Protein backbone atom coordinates (compact mmCIF):
# COMPACT_ATOMS: atom_id res chain seq x y z
CA MET A 1 25.33 -28.36 -12.83
CA ARG A 2 23.65 -30.94 -9.92
CA ASN A 3 24.67 -27.68 -7.89
CA LYS A 4 23.24 -25.36 -10.32
CA HIS A 5 25.89 -22.61 -9.67
CA ILE A 6 25.45 -21.86 -14.12
CA CYS A 7 21.52 -22.02 -13.56
CA GLY A 8 20.80 -18.37 -13.90
CA ILE A 9 23.92 -17.00 -15.41
CA THR A 10 23.96 -14.78 -18.65
CA HIS A 11 25.34 -15.85 -21.38
CA HIS A 12 28.62 -13.67 -21.67
CA SER A 13 30.09 -14.80 -18.16
CA LEU A 14 29.12 -18.48 -19.69
CA ALA A 15 31.48 -17.89 -21.91
CA LEU A 16 33.66 -16.12 -20.25
CA TYR A 17 33.76 -19.68 -17.61
CA LEU A 18 34.01 -21.87 -20.68
CA PHE A 19 37.42 -19.66 -21.48
CA LEU A 20 38.83 -19.86 -18.35
CA VAL A 21 37.98 -23.76 -17.64
CA THR A 22 39.91 -24.07 -21.14
CA VAL A 23 43.00 -22.26 -20.93
CA CYS A 24 43.69 -22.24 -16.98
CA ASP A 25 46.22 -24.56 -15.63
CA ALA A 26 46.53 -27.21 -12.62
CA ASP A 27 45.82 -24.78 -10.61
CA GLY A 28 43.15 -22.86 -12.08
CA ILE A 29 45.14 -19.81 -13.04
CA SER A 30 44.32 -17.67 -15.79
CA TYR A 31 46.51 -14.57 -16.78
CA TYR A 32 45.04 -13.72 -19.89
CA SER A 33 44.50 -10.24 -20.49
CA ASP A 34 41.44 -7.80 -20.16
CA ASP A 35 42.43 -6.94 -24.24
CA ALA A 36 43.08 -10.58 -25.10
CA LEU A 37 39.55 -11.65 -23.73
CA TYR A 38 38.19 -8.67 -25.65
CA ARG A 39 39.46 -10.28 -28.57
CA TYR A 40 39.05 -14.11 -28.21
CA LEU A 41 35.20 -13.40 -26.85
CA GLY A 42 34.42 -10.15 -28.61
CA LEU A 43 33.16 -8.85 -25.00
CA ASP A 44 33.21 -5.04 -24.70
CA THR A 45 34.99 -3.98 -21.00
CA ILE A 46 31.09 -3.14 -19.82
CA THR A 47 30.05 -6.74 -20.47
CA LEU A 48 33.18 -8.37 -18.96
CA SER A 49 33.76 -6.47 -15.86
CA GLY A 50 29.95 -7.91 -14.84
CA ALA A 51 30.45 -11.00 -16.38
CA ARG A 52 33.46 -11.35 -13.89
CA LYS A 53 31.48 -10.18 -11.57
CA GLU A 54 28.18 -12.04 -12.06
CA LEU A 55 31.03 -15.43 -12.04
CA SER A 56 32.40 -13.84 -9.13
CA HIS A 57 29.40 -13.41 -6.53
CA ALA A 58 28.35 -17.01 -8.59
CA GLY A 59 31.53 -18.58 -6.59
CA LEU A 60 32.79 -19.60 -9.59
CA ILE A 61 35.53 -17.55 -10.32
CA SER A 62 37.75 -15.30 -8.06
CA TYR A 63 39.96 -12.17 -9.96
CA SER A 64 42.45 -10.53 -8.58
CA TYR A 65 44.11 -8.07 -11.57
CA PRO A 66 45.60 -9.41 -13.64
CA LEU A 67 44.73 -13.37 -12.57
CA TYR A 68 41.64 -15.10 -12.85
CA GLN A 69 41.16 -18.33 -10.82
CA VAL A 70 38.69 -21.22 -11.72
CA LEU A 71 37.34 -22.61 -8.72
CA SER A 72 36.01 -26.00 -7.95
């Protein structure tokens, strides 16, 4: 919040970010599949892809199939 990283981020992207922060390990890594994310977050393929791109562009996550990393 202090650096306004989440300002202007869509609610779908924020939902993905919150999920990843909640489930990641000590290194910020999450192994959840797209199918699991569709199920838990109720997102479709296009929305999940857009959320991933938005969070990556904002410098909040790194994604390289199949791994997510929440960045500090």
